Amino acid sequence: MKRVLHVGPVESRGGMQATIRHHLKHPPVDWTTESINTHVDGSVLAKINAWRTAKRELKLRLKNNPPDVIHIHTATSYSWWRKIRAVKMCIQAKVPVILQIHAGNFNSFLLNSNSVRTDFFKITSHQLVTPVALTPRHKKEIGLEKLQVIGSPAPPIRMIETSNRDPKLMILLARPSPIKGHRLAIKVTQELRTRGHDVHLHLSGVSPSHKWVGDLGPEQGIHARGWLTGEQKDELLTTAGLLLIPSDYEGMPVAAMEALSCGLPVMASPSCQGILGDGGIIVENLDSNDWANTIEKVLNDSDYWEKMSSAGPESVTQQTPEMLGKQWAELYQNSIQESSE
């Protein structure tokens, strides 16, 4: 059995954490998985201490018990600052590295800093480093031919009967970042309610006291749920009528994969272009009226909504644990072979 060590935010909230936990739960055939946590949700000091601990642990692993491959998960900003140091430690120890880029705005991050761009293209040109993007669009935007493409994981497919869903229940599952579109979703919900639609929006990531929510509550159709447990999220995924992803940027959101795999239609911004298949709709503009108009059409056409629901699982057949396991096993093995040439 070969070993792969995942380095990233194992214990933090968000899409990267969900992806890493998927890897740990569904290792490729003939591989075992381990992890080092690099980040915590909390104060700046707590984050610094988490990284220092992770760096010490990685140094010891590389010295005393190096794995066959190290799989490093990165976003932008401080995440990149931490991970590029981890990559350099692995190169020094001569251990193959998979560098998976999760941030949908990574290309903008590169364009905004000459030093970051220089470091990125230099580090990814190393023989020991195999960079991975989430989608072909993601790869094209970053502009690195060497980038491999493997998408986000979807849970095992399970079809939920549409009779168990409420078409007027909308959900948004994301961390409380301005780029995730919570405010737009709230505005769209208010607009639809003024048009006579008794829609309700459940938001993860933000509490009822959050400034984006203001005085709005369940009576106004806004349910700010804070961070959800796995059971709470699953209940929404299996009873809701629509998942909203009005994001400025996305790579390949785990929430979309979770929704499509159980037949929950997805309405998303162009950041999700090419990953929804017939299980969702792309709204071209981040405009509340455009979103309200599109949702209204779905609410008024139950046949179309049901067709999207039935098409969802087909859209993620290549992202199931079995299919992704084969892709990662092949990539890990190739990285080992290339490093020895």
Protein backbone atom coordinates (compact mmCIF):
# COMPACT_ATOMS: atom_id res chain seq x y z
CA MET A 1 0.00 0.00 0.00
CA LYS A 2 1.35 3.40 -1.00
CA ARG A 3 0.77 6.44 1.20
CA VAL A 4 -0.38 9.95 0.32
CA LEU A 5 -0.21 12.76 2.86
CA HIS A 6 -2.75 15.59 2.50
CA VAL A 7 -1.61 19.01 3.72
CA GLY A 8 -4.29 21.66 4.12
CA PRO A 9 -7.18 23.01 6.23
CA VAL A 10 -8.48 19.66 7.47
CA GLU A 11 -10.20 21.20 10.50
CA SER A 12 -11.50 24.47 9.01
CA ARG A 13 -14.89 25.14 7.51
CA GLY A 14 -15.32 25.37 3.75
CA GLY A 15 -14.89 23.62 0.44
CA MET A 16 -11.22 22.69 0.82
CA GLN A 17 -11.93 20.97 4.11
CA ALA A 18 -14.79 19.04 2.53
CA THR A 19 -12.55 17.95 -0.34
CA ILE A 20 -9.73 16.81 1.95
CA ARG A 21 -12.15 14.86 4.13
CA HIS A 22 -13.48 13.20 0.99
CA HIS A 23 -9.92 12.11 0.15
CA LEU A 24 -9.43 10.74 3.65
CA LYS A 25 -12.72 8.85 3.56
CA HIS A 26 -12.36 7.55 -0.01
CA PRO A 27 -8.69 6.72 -0.67
CA PRO A 28 -7.77 5.38 -4.11
CA VAL A 29 -7.42 1.63 -4.41
CA ASP A 30 -4.04 0.45 -3.03
CA TRP A 31 -3.43 3.79 -1.31
CA THR A 32 -3.75 4.91 2.31
CA THR A 33 -4.31 8.55 3.25
CA GLU A 34 -2.92 10.68 6.06
CA SER A 35 -3.24 14.40 6.79
CA ILE A 36 -1.64 17.43 8.41
CA ASN A 37 -3.90 20.33 9.35
CA THR A 38 -2.55 23.79 8.45
CA HIS A 39 -5.35 26.12 9.52
CA VAL A 40 -7.98 26.71 12.21
CA ASP A 41 -11.00 28.98 12.43
CA GLY A 42 -10.24 31.53 15.11
CA SER A 43 -7.90 34.37 15.99
CA VAL A 44 -4.84 35.40 14.01
CA LEU A 45 -2.65 33.95 16.75
CA ALA A 46 -4.49 30.62 16.58
CA LYS A 47 -3.96 30.51 12.81
CA ILE A 48 -0.25 31.28 13.18
CA ASN A 49 0.15 28.57 15.82
CA ALA A 50 -1.70 26.03 13.66
CA TRP A 51 0.67 26.68 10.77
CA ARG A 52 3.75 26.48 12.99
CA THR A 53 2.57 23.15 14.35
CA ALA A 54 1.85 21.88 10.83
CA LYS A 55 5.26 22.96 9.60
CA ARG A 56 7.02 21.14 12.44
CA GLU A 57 4.98 18.00 11.83
CA LEU A 58 5.69 18.08 8.09
CA LYS A 59 9.40 18.52 8.73
CA LEU A 60 9.43 15.48 11.02
CA ARG A 61 7.40 13.36 8.57
CA LEU A 62 9.71 14.23 5.70
CA LYS A 63 12.76 13.35 7.78
CA ASN A 64 11.61 10.21 9.58
CA ASN A 65 8.74 8.68 7.62
CA PRO A 66 8.18 10.32 4.23
CA PRO A 67 5.05 9.27 2.30
CA ASP A 68 5.13 8.28 -1.35
CA VAL A 69 3.31 11.46 -2.39
CA ILE A 70 2.33 14.69 -0.63
CA HIS A 71 -0.93 16.29 -1.78
CA ILE A 72 -0.99 20.00 -0.89
CA HIS A 73 -4.22 22.00 -1.08
CA THR A 74 -4.02 25.76 -1.65
CA ALA A 75 -6.14 28.83 -2.23
CA THR A 76 -4.85 32.42 -2.43
CA SER A 77 -3.34 34.97 -0.05
CA TYR A 78 -2.06 33.48 3.22
CA SER A 79 -3.06 29.99 2.12
CA TRP A 80 -0.64 30.28 -0.80
CA TRP A 81 2.04 31.80 1.42
CA ARG A 82 1.87 28.77 3.70
CA LYS A 83 1.61 26.16 0.96
CA ILE A 84 4.49 27.38 -1.19
CA ARG A 85 6.71 26.90 1.86
CA ALA A 86 5.36 23.39 2.31
CA VAL A 87 6.06 22.64 -1.37
CA LYS A 88 9.66 23.83 -1.00
CA MET A 89 10.12 21.60 2.05
CA CYS A 90 8.90 18.60 0.03
CA ILE A 91 11.19 19.40 -2.88
CA GLN A 92 14.15 19.63 -0.53
CA ALA A 93 13.22 16.19 0.84
CA LYS A 94 12.80 14.88 -2.75
CA VAL A 95 9.19 13.78 -2.23
CA PRO A 96 6.72 14.17 -5.15
CA VAL A 97 4.11 16.89 -4.65
CA ILE A 98 0.58 17.30 -5.96
CA LEU A 99 -0.34 20.99 -5.72
CA GLN A 100 -4.11 21.32 -5.99
CA ILE A 101 -5.49 24.83 -6.60
CA HIS A 102 -8.96 25.34 -5.16
CA ALA A 103 -9.50 29.10 -5.48
CA GLY A 104 -11.64 30.13 -8.42
CA ASN A 105 -9.94 33.54 -8.49
CA PHE A 106 -6.39 32.16 -8.50
CA ASN A 107 -5.72 33.69 -11.92
CA SER A 108 -6.59 37.16 -10.57
CA PHE A 109 -4.35 36.49 -7.59
CA LEU A 110 -1.47 35.77 -9.97
CA LEU A 111 -2.14 38.83 -12.11
CA ASN A 112 -2.14 41.14 -9.08
CA SER A 113 1.39 40.28 -7.97
CA ASN A 114 4.51 39.85 -10.07
CA SER A 115 6.32 38.08 -7.23
CA VAL A 116 3.49 35.60 -6.66
CA ARG A 117 3.25 34.91 -10.39
CA THR A 118 7.00 34.36 -10.65
CA ASP A 119 7.03 32.02 -7.65
CA PHE A 120 4.05 30.06 -8.95
CA PHE A 121 5.44 29.38 -12.41
CA LYS A 122 8.89 28.60 -11.01
CA ILE A 123 7.65 26.14 -8.39
CA THR A 124 5.23 24.38 -10.76
CA SER A 125 7.99 23.88 -13.34
CA HIS A 126 9.90 21.64 -10.92
CA GLN A 127 9.98 17.96 -11.85
CA LEU A 128 8.67 16.91 -8.44
CA VAL A 129 5.59 19.18 -8.60
CA THR A 130 2.34 18.28 -10.37
CA PRO A 131 -0.16 21.17 -10.28
CA VAL A 132 -3.90 20.42 -10.50
CA ALA A 133 -6.83 22.67 -11.44
CA LEU A 134 -10.51 21.95 -10.83
CA THR A 135 -11.95 22.49 -14.32
CA PRO A 136 -10.75 23.08 -17.90
CA ARG A 137 -11.90 26.69 -17.53
CA HIS A 138 -9.88 26.98 -14.31
CA LYS A 139 -6.81 25.71 -16.17
CA LYS A 140 -7.31 28.08 -19.10
CA GLU A 141 -7.67 31.11 -16.84
CA ILE A 142 -4.51 30.27 -14.88
CA GLY A 143 -2.65 29.75 -18.15
CA LEU A 144 -0.33 26.87 -17.27
CA GLU A 145 -0.22 24.04 -19.79
CA LYS A 146 1.26 21.63 -17.26
CA LEU A 147 -1.88 21.86 -15.10
CA GLN A 148 -3.78 18.60 -14.73
CA VAL A 149 -7.57 18.78 -14.28
CA ILE A 150 -9.48 16.82 -11.62
CA GLY A 151 -12.72 18.24 -10.25
CA SER A 152 -14.32 18.40 -6.84
CA PRO A 153 -15.84 15.23 -5.36
CA ALA A 154 -19.52 14.41 -5.42
CA PRO A 155 -21.06 12.13 -2.80
CA PRO A 156 -22.42 8.78 -3.92
CA ILE A 157 -25.43 9.38 -6.15
CA ARG A 158 -28.85 9.11 -4.51
CA MET A 159 -32.02 10.28 -6.18
CA ILE A 160 -34.47 12.11 -3.92
CA GLU A 161 -38.08 12.08 -5.10
CA THR A 162 -39.22 15.53 -6.16
CA SER A 163 -42.37 15.02 -4.11
CA ASN A 164 -40.15 15.26 -1.02
CA ARG A 165 -38.83 18.65 -2.10
CA ASP A 166 -40.26 22.15 -1.67
CA PRO A 167 -39.68 24.13 -4.90
CA LYS A 168 -39.98 27.39 -2.93
CA LEU A 169 -37.21 26.50 -0.50
CA MET A 170 -33.87 27.93 -1.68
CA ILE A 171 -30.50 27.38 -0.03
CA LEU A 172 -27.04 28.93 -0.21
CA LEU A 173 -24.20 26.90 1.31
CA ALA A 174 -20.99 28.92 1.57
CA ARG A 175 -18.60 30.65 3.92
CA PRO A 176 -19.47 34.29 4.77
CA SER A 177 -17.32 35.93 2.11
CA PRO A 178 -18.55 38.86 -0.02
CA ILE A 179 -17.67 36.94 -3.19
CA LYS A 180 -20.14 34.15 -2.32
CA GLY A 181 -23.21 36.30 -2.98
CA HIS A 182 -25.18 36.12 0.26
CA ARG A 183 -26.39 39.71 -0.17
CA LEU A 184 -27.54 39.11 -3.73
CA ALA A 185 -29.44 35.99 -2.67
CA ILE A 186 -31.18 37.93 0.11
CA LYS A 187 -32.14 40.70 -2.30
CA VAL A 188 -33.47 38.19 -4.84
CA THR A 189 -35.58 36.54 -2.14
CA GLN A 190 -37.08 39.89 -1.16
CA GLU A 191 -37.86 40.68 -4.80
CA LEU A 192 -39.59 37.35 -5.37
CA ARG A 193 -41.71 37.82 -2.27
CA THR A 194 -42.87 41.23 -3.52
CA ARG A 195 -44.01 39.41 -6.67
CA GLY A 196 -46.20 37.12 -4.61
CA HIS A 197 -43.94 34.05 -4.34
CA ASP A 198 -43.74 32.61 -0.82
CA VAL A 199 -40.08 31.66 -1.16
CA HIS A 200 -37.73 31.03 1.76
CA LEU A 201 -33.94 31.27 1.68
CA HIS A 202 -31.74 29.30 4.10
CA LEU A 203 -28.21 30.68 4.38
CA SER A 204 -25.24 28.90 5.87
CA GLY A 205 -22.20 30.75 7.13
CA VAL A 206 -24.05 33.79 8.50
CA SER A 207 -25.91 34.17 11.79
CA PRO A 208 -29.17 36.10 12.33
CA SER A 209 -27.13 38.99 13.74
CA HIS A 210 -24.91 39.32 10.67
CA LYS A 211 -24.90 42.75 9.04
CA TRP A 212 -26.02 41.27 5.70
CA VAL A 213 -29.16 39.93 7.33
CA GLY A 214 -30.08 43.05 9.28
CA ASP A 215 -33.66 43.01 10.56
CA LEU A 216 -34.73 40.24 8.19
CA GLY A 217 -35.86 36.91 9.56
CA PRO A 218 -38.07 33.90 8.85
CA GLU A 219 -41.14 36.11 8.54
CA GLN A 220 -39.41 37.82 5.62
CA GLY A 221 -38.26 34.49 4.20
CA ILE A 222 -34.65 34.78 5.41
CA HIS A 223 -33.28 31.97 7.59
CA ALA A 224 -29.68 32.71 8.65
CA ARG A 225 -28.50 29.34 9.96
CA GLY A 226 -24.84 29.96 10.80
CA TRP A 227 -22.54 26.98 10.35
CA LEU A 228 -24.53 23.83 9.72
CA THR A 229 -23.90 20.36 11.06
CA GLY A 230 -23.65 17.55 8.53
CA GLU A 231 -27.16 16.45 9.39
CA GLN A 232 -28.58 19.95 9.00
CA LYS A 233 -26.92 20.41 5.64
CA ASP A 234 -28.13 17.03 4.43
CA GLU A 235 -31.68 17.88 5.44
CA LEU A 236 -31.57 21.04 3.33
CA LEU A 237 -29.99 19.26 0.36
CA THR A 238 -32.72 16.64 0.36
CA THR A 239 -35.74 18.91 0.96
CA ALA A 240 -34.87 22.15 -0.85
CA GLY A 241 -35.98 23.06 -4.35
CA LEU A 242 -32.99 25.10 -5.51
CA LEU A 243 -29.34 25.64 -4.58
CA LEU A 244 -28.11 29.18 -5.30
CA ILE A 245 -24.46 29.90 -6.15
CA PRO A 246 -24.33 33.63 -7.00
CA SER A 247 -20.55 33.80 -6.58
CA ASP A 248 -18.09 36.20 -8.16
CA TYR A 249 -15.56 33.36 -8.36
CA GLU A 250 -15.65 29.59 -7.98
CA GLY A 251 -13.42 26.70 -8.89
CA MET A 252 -15.71 23.70 -8.74
CA PRO A 253 -17.87 24.17 -5.62
CA VAL A 254 -18.42 21.10 -3.50
CA ALA A 255 -21.95 22.34 -2.71
CA ALA A 256 -22.85 22.06 -6.40
CA MET A 257 -21.58 18.48 -6.52
CA GLU A 258 -23.51 17.62 -3.37
CA ALA A 259 -26.70 19.11 -4.79
CA LEU A 260 -26.50 17.56 -8.24
CA SER A 261 -25.71 14.12 -6.82
CA CYS A 262 -29.07 14.03 -5.03
CA GLY A 263 -31.14 15.73 -7.72
CA LEU A 264 -31.27 19.27 -6.31
CA PRO A 265 -31.33 21.79 -9.20
CA VAL A 266 -28.61 24.45 -9.10
CA MET A 267 -28.79 28.08 -10.18
CA ALA A 268 -25.34 29.62 -10.48
CA SER A 269 -23.31 32.51 -11.82
CA PRO A 270 -20.96 32.06 -14.82
CA SER A 271 -18.29 30.97 -12.33
CA CYS A 272 -19.89 27.50 -12.59
CA GLN A 273 -20.08 27.46 -16.37
CA GLY A 274 -19.59 23.96 -17.77
CA ILE A 275 -20.03 21.92 -14.57
CA LEU A 276 -23.81 21.77 -14.07
CA GLY A 277 -24.87 19.88 -17.18
CA ASP A 278 -28.66 19.81 -17.47
CA GLY A 279 -29.00 19.77 -13.70
CA GLY A 280 -28.84 23.54 -13.35
CA ILE A 281 -29.01 27.00 -14.90
CA ILE A 282 -26.35 29.66 -15.40
CA VAL A 283 -27.54 33.25 -14.84
CA GLU A 284 -25.24 35.41 -16.92
CA ASN A 285 -25.27 38.53 -14.72
CA LEU A 286 -24.96 39.13 -11.00
CA ASP A 287 -28.10 41.25 -11.12
CA SER A 288 -30.93 40.68 -8.64
CA ASN A 289 -33.67 41.24 -11.23
CA ASP A 290 -32.10 38.76 -13.65
CA TRP A 291 -31.87 36.18 -10.87
CA ALA A 292 -35.42 36.84 -9.72
CA ASN A 293 -36.72 36.54 -13.29
CA THR A 294 -34.92 33.24 -13.83
CA ILE A 295 -36.09 31.75 -10.53
CA GLU A 296 -39.63 32.92 -11.27
CA LYS A 297 -39.60 31.05 -14.58
CA VAL A 298 -38.56 27.88 -12.76
CA LEU A 299 -41.23 28.35 -10.11
CA ASN A 300 -43.84 28.71 -12.86
CA ASP A 301 -42.63 25.63 -14.80
CA SER A 302 -42.72 22.54 -12.60
CA ASP A 303 -41.93 20.25 -15.54
CA TYR A 304 -38.67 22.08 -16.22
CA TRP A 305 -37.74 21.98 -12.53
CA GLU A 306 -38.37 18.23 -12.41
CA LYS A 307 -36.26 17.67 -15.55
CA MET A 308 -33.35 19.49 -13.93
CA SER A 309 -33.77 17.39 -10.82
CA SER A 310 -33.66 14.11 -12.73
CA ALA A 311 -30.65 15.30 -14.78
CA GLY A 312 -28.52 16.25 -11.77
CA PRO A 313 -26.97 12.85 -10.97
CA GLU A 314 -25.95 12.34 -14.61
CA SER A 315 -23.99 15.60 -14.42
CA VAL A 316 -21.67 14.26 -11.72
CA THR A 317 -21.06 10.68 -12.84
CA GLN A 318 -17.39 11.51 -13.43
CA GLN A 319 -17.07 12.99 -9.92
CA THR A 320 -18.15 9.99 -7.87
CA PRO A 321 -15.69 8.51 -5.33
CA GLU A 322 -14.96 5.55 -7.62
CA MET A 323 -14.20 7.66 -10.69
CA LEU A 324 -12.14 10.23 -8.82
CA GLY A 325 -10.23 7.50 -7.02
CA LYS A 326 -9.06 6.10 -10.35
CA GLN A 327 -7.99 9.56 -11.56
CA TRP A 328 -6.05 10.36 -8.40
CA ALA A 329 -4.38 6.94 -8.28
CA GLU A 330 -3.14 7.42 -11.83
CA LEU A 331 -1.92 10.95 -11.11
CA TYR A 332 -0.13 9.89 -7.91
CA GLN A 333 1.59 7.01 -9.71
CA ASN A 334 2.63 9.24 -12.59
CA SER A 335 4.10 11.78 -10.18
CA ILE A 336 6.20 9.06 -8.58
CA GLN A 337 7.44 7.80 -11.95
CA GLU A 338 8.26 11.29 -13.24
CA SER A 339 10.16 12.15 -10.08
CA SER A 340 12.40 9.13 -10.54
CA GLU A 341 13.29 9.82 -14.17
